[in-house]
Amino acid sequence: MAERRFGVGYALAPKKQQSFIQDSLVSLARSRGVDLVRINKEVPLVDQGPFDCVLHKLYGEDWRRQLEDFRVRNPNAVIIDSPEAIERLHNRISMLQVVSELKIEHENETFGIPKQIVIYDKETLFDLPTWESLKLPVISKPLVADGSAKSHKMALVFNHDGLNQLKPPIVLQEFVNHGGVIFKVYVVGEHVKCVKRKSLPDVSEEEKVGSLDGLLSFSQVSNLATNERIDDKYYKKMHLDDTEMPPQSLLIAIASGLRRAMKLNLFNFDVIRDARYGNRYLIIDINYFPGYAKMPGYETVLTDFFCDIVLKKDKVKENDSEEKRGLVDRRGCDKEMRKVVDKTCCSDGDDGVLPVSPLSSEEENPIQV
């Protein structure tokens, strides 16, 4: 009998589409029975398809209405992910609150978030009581994290003189020495992969006091030509290659907890190891639908995820009898079929949870903050 094929429509901004929808991904997905189809933004979504799944990273009220109309018209289709769930990550305070709410116990390690405060105006910026829970240096980040160029304008503030150059609303996050290494944990449904990258170098007590400018933008920090401390010699001295990865079990537990709490399937979170303790890890950022093409083997991980989603959707439509389940030949996706919980794979319980892929670690060279 003919192989059942599945349609996954994608609606992405041009830059995102160029980086994510690569020939290698399209070919692998096609070989597994999944056709990736570009959604035409000039045509109403309800007039396109049929789609078993809609993958998107677009914003705005019009797009929300289109998704809702599509959902009503196609109740069995899966939308990855809910606009309401995604919106939580657009605020740098609410995005990390979920980390504090996680109840995860680990044998030897602990995790949390750095101390941080939100500043809405200049008056609050220089209000001394506001700083009672925070010590310099701090990282200044825009409050809004919507993926725009403005939302990526961050700076390392060494002293109070640097505060004059900041423009609220912003989040001030305690800078914690972490050995110049950041761990980026990619989550795709139940699949988890971790890579390590260069980050900001540690800041000494002398530098905290002696910085003339008081503030250093991340673009300046990333410019190797203007900062001798973060050249190749610095990273060779700290043995980046030998940097120990965080415990696999801890990262998987955090990823699973975040996925369920946020009701999101596609995200990554940035982790640093607190140099003061060694066994404490801090989550400093969470991003929706990150640059998966930078993740080693992303084609296989995403294709597995698509198969998980559409097979669950297809299975829901079938009768539970063995006779009906055997009518369709799914030689592609069914080879690695796993149980998937509800339509968005974000379960609150343990039943039907996907087996987690072995967490792999790779080192990448670009400086990442």
Protein backbone atom coordinates (compact mmCIF):
# COMPACT_ATOMS: atom_id res chain seq x y z
CA MET A 1 0.00 0.00 0.00
CA ALA A 2 1.20 3.55 -0.75
CA GLU A 3 3.27 5.25 1.91
CA ARG A 4 1.39 7.85 3.95
CA ARG A 5 3.12 11.20 3.66
CA PHE A 6 2.87 14.08 6.09
CA GLY A 7 2.86 17.81 5.40
CA VAL A 8 4.62 20.26 7.72
CA GLY A 9 3.99 23.86 6.75
CA TYR A 10 6.52 26.42 7.90
CA ALA A 11 6.07 30.18 8.30
CA LEU A 12 9.37 31.90 9.10
CA ALA A 13 10.98 35.26 8.55
CA PRO A 14 13.30 35.30 5.50
CA LYS A 15 16.53 35.21 7.53
CA LYS A 16 15.23 32.39 9.71
CA GLN A 17 14.02 30.44 6.71
CA GLN A 18 17.40 30.74 5.02
CA SER A 19 19.29 29.40 8.03
CA PHE A 20 16.84 26.70 9.10
CA ILE A 21 15.32 25.28 5.92
CA GLN A 22 18.47 23.82 4.40
CA ASP A 23 18.57 21.23 1.64
CA SER A 24 20.02 18.65 4.03
CA LEU A 25 16.99 18.98 6.33
CA VAL A 26 14.45 18.97 3.51
CA SER A 27 16.00 15.87 1.93
CA LEU A 28 16.21 13.88 5.14
CA ALA A 29 12.65 14.77 6.13
CA ARG A 30 11.40 13.81 2.66
CA SER A 31 13.14 10.44 2.89
CA ARG A 32 11.26 9.81 6.14
CA GLY A 33 7.86 10.70 4.65
CA VAL A 34 7.68 14.33 5.81
CA ASP A 35 7.29 17.13 3.26
CA LEU A 36 8.34 20.60 4.42
CA VAL A 37 6.16 23.16 2.65
CA ARG A 38 6.63 26.93 2.74
CA ILE A 39 3.52 28.81 3.85
CA ASN A 40 2.69 31.75 1.57
CA LYS A 41 2.23 34.77 3.81
CA GLU A 42 0.24 36.54 1.08
CA VAL A 43 -2.48 33.89 1.19
CA PRO A 44 -4.69 33.19 4.26
CA LEU A 45 -3.38 30.20 6.18
CA VAL A 46 -6.79 28.47 6.16
CA ASP A 47 -6.66 28.41 2.36
CA GLN A 48 -3.37 26.51 2.28
CA GLY A 49 -2.35 22.95 2.98
CA PRO A 50 -3.44 20.42 3.95
CA PHE A 51 -0.93 20.51 6.81
CA ASP A 52 -0.54 17.94 9.54
CA CYS A 53 1.60 20.43 11.43
CA VAL A 54 2.34 24.17 11.26
CA LEU A 55 5.80 25.30 12.33
CA HIS A 56 6.11 29.05 12.79
CA LYS A 57 8.05 31.95 14.19
CA LEU A 58 6.00 34.97 13.16
CA TYR A 59 4.39 37.57 15.39
CA GLY A 60 1.56 40.10 15.30
CA GLU A 61 -2.19 40.06 15.83
CA ASP A 62 -2.98 39.21 12.22
CA TRP A 63 -0.84 36.08 12.36
CA ARG A 64 -2.40 35.09 15.68
CA ARG A 65 -5.86 35.34 14.14
CA GLN A 66 -4.75 33.26 11.18
CA LEU A 67 -3.41 30.54 13.46
CA GLU A 68 -6.62 30.53 15.49
CA ASP A 69 -8.77 30.31 12.34
CA PHE A 70 -6.59 27.47 11.09
CA ARG A 71 -6.86 25.65 14.42
CA VAL A 72 -10.65 25.91 14.43
CA ARG A 73 -10.86 24.69 10.85
CA ASN A 74 -8.27 21.96 11.36
CA PRO A 75 -8.67 20.67 14.94
CA ASN A 76 -6.39 17.68 14.35
CA ALA A 77 -3.48 19.75 13.06
CA VAL A 78 -0.59 20.52 15.41
CA ILE A 79 0.68 24.10 15.82
CA ILE A 80 4.27 24.45 17.01
CA ASP A 81 4.12 26.45 19.22
CA SER A 82 1.32 28.40 20.91
CA PRO A 83 1.74 32.20 20.47
CA GLU A 84 0.66 32.70 24.09
CA ALA A 85 3.41 30.36 25.32
CA ILE A 86 6.02 31.96 23.08
CA GLU A 87 5.16 35.44 24.33
CA ARG A 88 6.40 34.63 27.82
CA LEU A 89 9.94 34.49 26.47
CA HIS A 90 9.67 38.02 25.09
CA ASN A 91 10.14 39.43 28.59
CA ARG A 92 13.48 38.78 30.28
CA ILE A 93 11.94 38.75 33.73
CA SER A 94 9.07 36.37 33.04
CA MET A 95 11.29 34.07 30.96
CA LEU A 96 13.47 33.18 33.95
CA GLN A 97 10.72 33.09 36.57
CA VAL A 98 9.81 29.63 35.35
CA VAL A 99 13.31 28.41 36.29
CA SER A 100 12.72 29.41 39.91
CA GLU A 101 9.48 27.44 39.90
CA LEU A 102 11.08 24.15 38.85
CA LYS A 103 11.20 21.44 41.52
CA ILE A 104 14.21 19.33 40.58
CA GLU A 105 16.52 17.58 42.99
CA HIS A 106 19.98 16.47 41.93
CA GLU A 107 22.48 14.49 43.91
CA ASN A 108 25.49 16.82 43.82
CA GLU A 109 24.60 19.89 41.75
CA THR A 110 22.25 22.83 42.21
CA PHE A 111 20.86 25.33 39.71
CA GLY A 112 19.09 28.66 39.65
CA ILE A 113 19.26 32.10 38.04
CA PRO A 114 21.54 35.08 38.72
CA LYS A 115 20.23 37.91 40.87
CA GLN A 116 18.52 40.49 38.69
CA ILE A 117 16.33 43.59 38.84
CA VAL A 118 14.21 45.39 36.28
CA ILE A 119 14.71 49.12 35.74
CA TYR A 120 11.89 51.05 34.07
CA ASP A 121 13.27 54.61 34.31
CA LYS A 122 16.43 56.62 35.03
CA GLU A 123 15.28 57.58 38.53
CA THR A 124 15.10 53.96 39.61
CA LEU A 125 18.48 53.30 38.03
CA PHE A 126 20.18 55.53 40.60
CA ASP A 127 17.96 54.64 43.55
CA LEU A 128 20.30 53.07 46.12
CA PRO A 129 17.68 50.84 47.82
CA THR A 130 17.06 49.22 44.43
CA TRP A 131 20.64 47.96 44.46
CA GLU A 132 20.51 46.28 47.86
CA SER A 133 20.25 42.82 46.31
CA LEU A 134 22.67 43.39 43.45
CA LYS A 135 26.40 44.05 43.20
CA LEU A 136 28.48 45.35 40.32
CA PRO A 137 29.51 44.30 37.74
CA VAL A 138 26.19 43.60 36.06
CA ILE A 139 25.02 42.76 32.57
CA SER A 140 22.51 45.19 31.10
CA LYS A 141 19.90 43.63 28.82
CA PRO A 142 16.83 45.17 27.16
CA LEU A 143 13.65 44.10 28.96
CA VAL A 144 12.06 43.06 25.67
CA ALA A 145 13.55 39.95 24.05
CA ASP A 146 11.70 39.72 20.75
CA GLY A 147 14.65 38.80 18.54
CA SER A 148 15.05 42.30 17.11
CA ALA A 149 18.44 43.97 16.77
CA LYS A 150 17.54 46.31 19.64
CA SER A 151 16.82 43.39 21.97
CA HIS A 152 20.40 42.15 21.52
CA LYS A 153 22.05 45.41 22.65
CA MET A 154 23.70 44.30 25.87
CA ALA A 155 26.56 45.67 27.92
CA LEU A 156 28.83 44.76 30.82
CA VAL A 157 28.64 47.51 33.47
CA PHE A 158 31.65 47.69 35.81
CA ASN A 159 30.72 50.63 38.04
CA HIS A 160 28.09 53.29 38.68
CA ASP A 161 29.63 55.63 36.09
CA GLY A 162 28.58 53.18 33.43
CA LEU A 163 24.94 53.41 34.48
CA ASN A 164 24.65 56.87 32.87
CA GLN A 165 24.91 55.28 29.44
CA LEU A 166 22.01 52.86 29.92
CA LYS A 167 18.55 53.39 28.48
CA PRO A 168 15.65 51.82 30.43
CA PRO A 169 13.56 49.74 30.40
CA ILE A 170 16.30 47.21 31.06
CA VAL A 171 17.14 44.19 33.15
CA LEU A 172 20.31 44.29 35.22
CA GLN A 173 21.65 40.80 35.83
CA GLU A 174 24.49 40.01 38.20
CA PHE A 175 27.64 39.08 36.29
CA VAL A 176 29.05 35.84 37.65
CA ASN A 177 32.55 34.64 36.81
CA HIS A 178 32.17 31.37 34.94
CA GLY A 179 35.53 30.54 33.41
CA GLY A 180 34.75 32.12 30.03
CA VAL A 181 32.54 29.21 28.92
CA ILE A 182 28.81 29.12 28.25
CA PHE A 183 26.79 25.95 27.71
CA LYS A 184 23.98 26.23 25.17
CA VAL A 185 21.35 23.55 25.65
CA TYR A 186 19.11 22.96 22.63
CA VAL A 187 15.69 21.43 23.20
CA VAL A 188 13.54 19.93 20.43
CA GLY A 189 10.59 18.23 22.06
CA GLU A 190 12.21 15.51 24.15
CA HIS A 191 15.50 15.72 22.32
CA VAL A 192 18.31 17.52 24.15
CA LYS A 193 21.75 18.52 22.90
CA CYS A 194 24.40 20.66 24.56
CA VAL A 195 27.31 22.56 23.04
CA LYS A 196 29.94 24.70 24.76
CA ARG A 197 31.08 28.06 23.47
CA LYS A 198 33.38 30.87 24.44
CA SER A 199 31.80 33.50 26.62
CA LEU A 200 32.86 36.64 28.47
CA PRO A 201 36.11 36.20 30.37
CA ASP A 202 36.14 36.41 34.15
CA VAL A 203 36.41 39.88 35.66
CA SER A 204 39.02 40.51 38.37
CA GLU A 205 38.56 42.82 41.35
CA GLU A 206 41.05 45.26 39.80
CA GLU A 207 39.00 45.45 36.60
CA LYS A 208 35.80 46.08 38.52
CA VAL A 209 37.30 49.19 40.07
CA GLY A 210 39.69 50.31 37.35
CA SER A 211 37.56 50.32 34.21
CA LEU A 212 37.74 53.84 32.79
CA ASP A 213 34.59 53.69 30.68
CA GLY A 214 32.49 51.98 33.30
CA LEU A 215 30.66 50.11 30.57
CA LEU A 216 31.60 47.81 27.71
CA SER A 217 29.10 46.84 25.02
CA PHE A 218 29.02 43.21 23.98
CA SER A 219 30.05 44.19 20.46
CA GLN A 220 33.23 45.65 21.96
CA VAL A 221 33.76 42.62 24.16
CA SER A 222 33.45 40.36 21.13
CA ASN A 223 35.98 42.35 19.12
CA LEU A 224 39.21 40.41 19.61
CA ALA A 225 41.26 43.21 18.12
CA THR A 226 40.30 45.67 20.87
CA ASN A 227 40.53 43.45 23.92
CA GLU A 228 43.69 41.46 24.50
CA ARG A 229 42.19 39.50 27.38
CA ILE A 230 39.93 37.49 25.13
CA ASP A 231 42.31 36.56 22.37
CA ASP A 232 43.18 32.97 21.51
CA LYS A 233 45.93 32.89 24.13
CA TYR A 234 43.42 33.58 26.89
CA TYR A 235 41.18 30.69 25.89
CA LYS A 236 44.08 28.32 25.38
CA LYS A 237 45.30 29.17 28.86
CA MET A 238 41.96 28.27 30.39
CA HIS A 239 41.82 24.96 28.45
CA LEU A 240 38.46 25.38 26.75
CA ASP A 241 38.81 21.95 25.16
CA ASP A 242 39.09 20.38 28.61
CA THR A 243 36.17 22.24 30.15
CA GLU A 244 33.90 19.71 31.83
CA MET A 245 30.33 19.58 30.62
CA PRO A 246 27.47 19.91 33.13
CA PRO A 247 26.00 16.56 34.24
CA GLN A 248 23.82 15.09 31.52
CA SER A 249 21.11 14.07 33.96
CA LEU A 250 20.83 17.62 35.31
CA LEU A 251 20.46 19.21 31.88
CA ILE A 252 17.86 16.66 30.82
CA ALA A 253 15.86 17.24 34.00
CA ILE A 254 15.94 21.03 33.55
CA ALA A 255 15.05 20.77 29.86
CA SER A 256 12.11 18.49 30.61
CA GLY A 257 10.90 20.74 33.42
CA LEU A 258 11.10 23.86 31.28
CA ARG A 259 9.37 22.20 28.35
CA ARG A 260 6.41 21.18 30.48
CA ALA A 261 6.19 24.43 32.44
CA MET A 262 6.44 26.68 29.39
CA LYS A 263 4.43 24.36 27.09
CA LEU A 264 7.02 24.88 24.38
CA ASN A 265 8.79 22.39 22.14
CA LEU A 266 11.48 24.47 20.46
CA PHE A 267 13.87 26.50 22.60
CA ASN A 268 17.34 26.64 24.05
CA PHE A 269 18.66 27.86 27.36
CA ASP A 270 22.08 29.24 28.25
CA VAL A 271 23.87 27.85 31.29
CA ILE A 272 27.03 28.94 33.08
CA ARG A 273 28.94 27.25 35.89
CA ASP A 274 29.36 29.54 38.89
CA ALA A 275 33.14 29.75 39.42
CA ARG A 276 32.63 30.43 43.14
CA TYR A 277 31.16 26.99 43.80
CA GLY A 278 31.87 24.66 40.89
CA ASN A 279 28.76 22.55 41.33
CA ARG A 280 26.19 25.36 40.94
CA TYR A 281 24.77 26.20 37.53
CA LEU A 282 22.93 29.37 36.53
CA ILE A 283 20.47 29.71 33.68
CA ILE A 284 20.92 33.18 32.22
CA ASP A 285 18.72 33.20 29.12
CA ILE A 286 16.02 31.24 27.27
CA ASN A 287 15.34 31.67 23.55
CA TYR A 288 12.47 30.43 21.44
CA PHE A 289 13.23 28.59 18.17
CA PRO A 290 16.99 29.32 18.25
CA GLY A 291 19.51 28.80 15.44
CA TYR A 292 19.22 25.03 15.26
CA ALA A 293 21.45 24.83 12.18
CA LYS A 294 24.36 25.57 14.55
CA MET A 295 23.51 22.43 16.52
CA PRO A 296 25.47 19.36 15.39
CA GLY A 297 23.22 16.88 13.58
CA TYR A 298 20.22 19.20 13.65
CA GLU A 299 18.70 17.57 10.56
CA THR A 300 18.25 14.20 12.29
CA VAL A 301 16.96 15.72 15.53
CA LEU A 302 14.37 17.89 13.78
CA THR A 303 13.27 15.11 11.43
CA ASP A 304 12.77 12.75 14.39
CA PHE A 305 10.72 15.48 16.05
CA PHE A 306 8.52 16.00 12.98
CA CYS A 307 7.90 12.27 12.81
CA ASP A 308 7.02 12.15 16.49
CA ILE A 309 4.49 14.94 16.03
CA VAL A 310 2.74 13.79 12.88
CA LEU A 311 2.63 10.15 13.88
CA LYS A 312 0.95 11.05 17.14
CA LYS A 313 -1.53 13.20 15.24
CA ASP A 314 -2.19 10.41 12.76
CA LYS A 315 -2.53 7.85 15.54
CA VAL A 316 -5.13 9.94 17.36
CA LYS A 317 -7.35 9.73 14.28
CA GLU A 318 -7.13 5.95 14.13
CA ASN A 319 -9.04 3.30 15.94
CA ASP A 320 -7.09 1.59 18.70
CA SER A 321 -7.55 -1.77 17.08
CA GLU A 322 -4.49 -3.53 15.72
CA GLU A 323 -6.26 -4.07 12.40
CA LYS A 324 -6.65 -0.39 11.66
CA ARG A 325 -3.21 0.52 12.93
CA GLY A 326 -1.72 -1.92 10.42
CA LEU A 327 -3.41 -0.53 7.32
CA VAL A 328 -0.91 2.21 6.57
CA ASP A 329 2.70 1.63 5.59
CA ARG A 330 4.86 4.10 7.48
CA ARG A 331 8.28 2.89 6.47
CA GLY A 332 9.77 6.35 7.00
CA CYS A 333 8.79 7.90 10.31
CA ASP A 334 7.56 4.68 11.89
CA LYS A 335 11.07 3.26 12.05
CA GLU A 336 11.76 5.37 15.12
CA MET A 337 8.24 5.98 16.30
CA ARG A 338 7.98 7.08 19.90
CA LYS A 339 5.07 7.89 22.15
CA VAL A 340 4.28 11.59 22.21
CA VAL A 341 2.15 13.28 24.79
CA ASP A 342 -0.71 15.59 23.77
CA LYS A 343 -0.64 17.73 20.66
CA THR A 344 2.24 19.93 21.68
CA CYS A 345 4.33 17.20 23.31
CA CYS A 346 4.28 19.16 26.56
CA SER A 347 3.02 16.68 29.13
CA ASP A 348 2.32 17.34 32.77
CA GLY A 349 2.63 13.70 33.61
CA ASP A 350 4.95 10.81 32.95
CA ASP A 351 2.78 8.68 30.69
CA GLY A 352 3.74 8.65 27.04
CA VAL A 353 6.92 10.67 27.47
CA LEU A 354 9.42 10.39 24.67
CA PRO A 355 12.72 8.71 25.45
CA VAL A 356 15.32 11.45 25.58
CA SER A 357 18.10 11.37 23.04
CA PRO A 358 21.56 10.89 24.46
CA LEU A 359 22.87 14.34 25.24
CA SER A 360 25.85 15.15 23.09
CA SER A 361 28.41 17.88 23.52
CA GLU A 362 30.35 19.75 20.91
CA GLU A 363 32.62 22.77 21.12
CA GLU A 364 32.04 25.76 18.87
CA ASN A 365 34.43 28.66 18.47
CA PRO A 366 32.46 31.93 18.12
CA ILE A 367 32.25 34.05 21.26
CA GLN A 368 28.75 33.84 22.70
CA VAL A 369 27.21 35.90 25.46
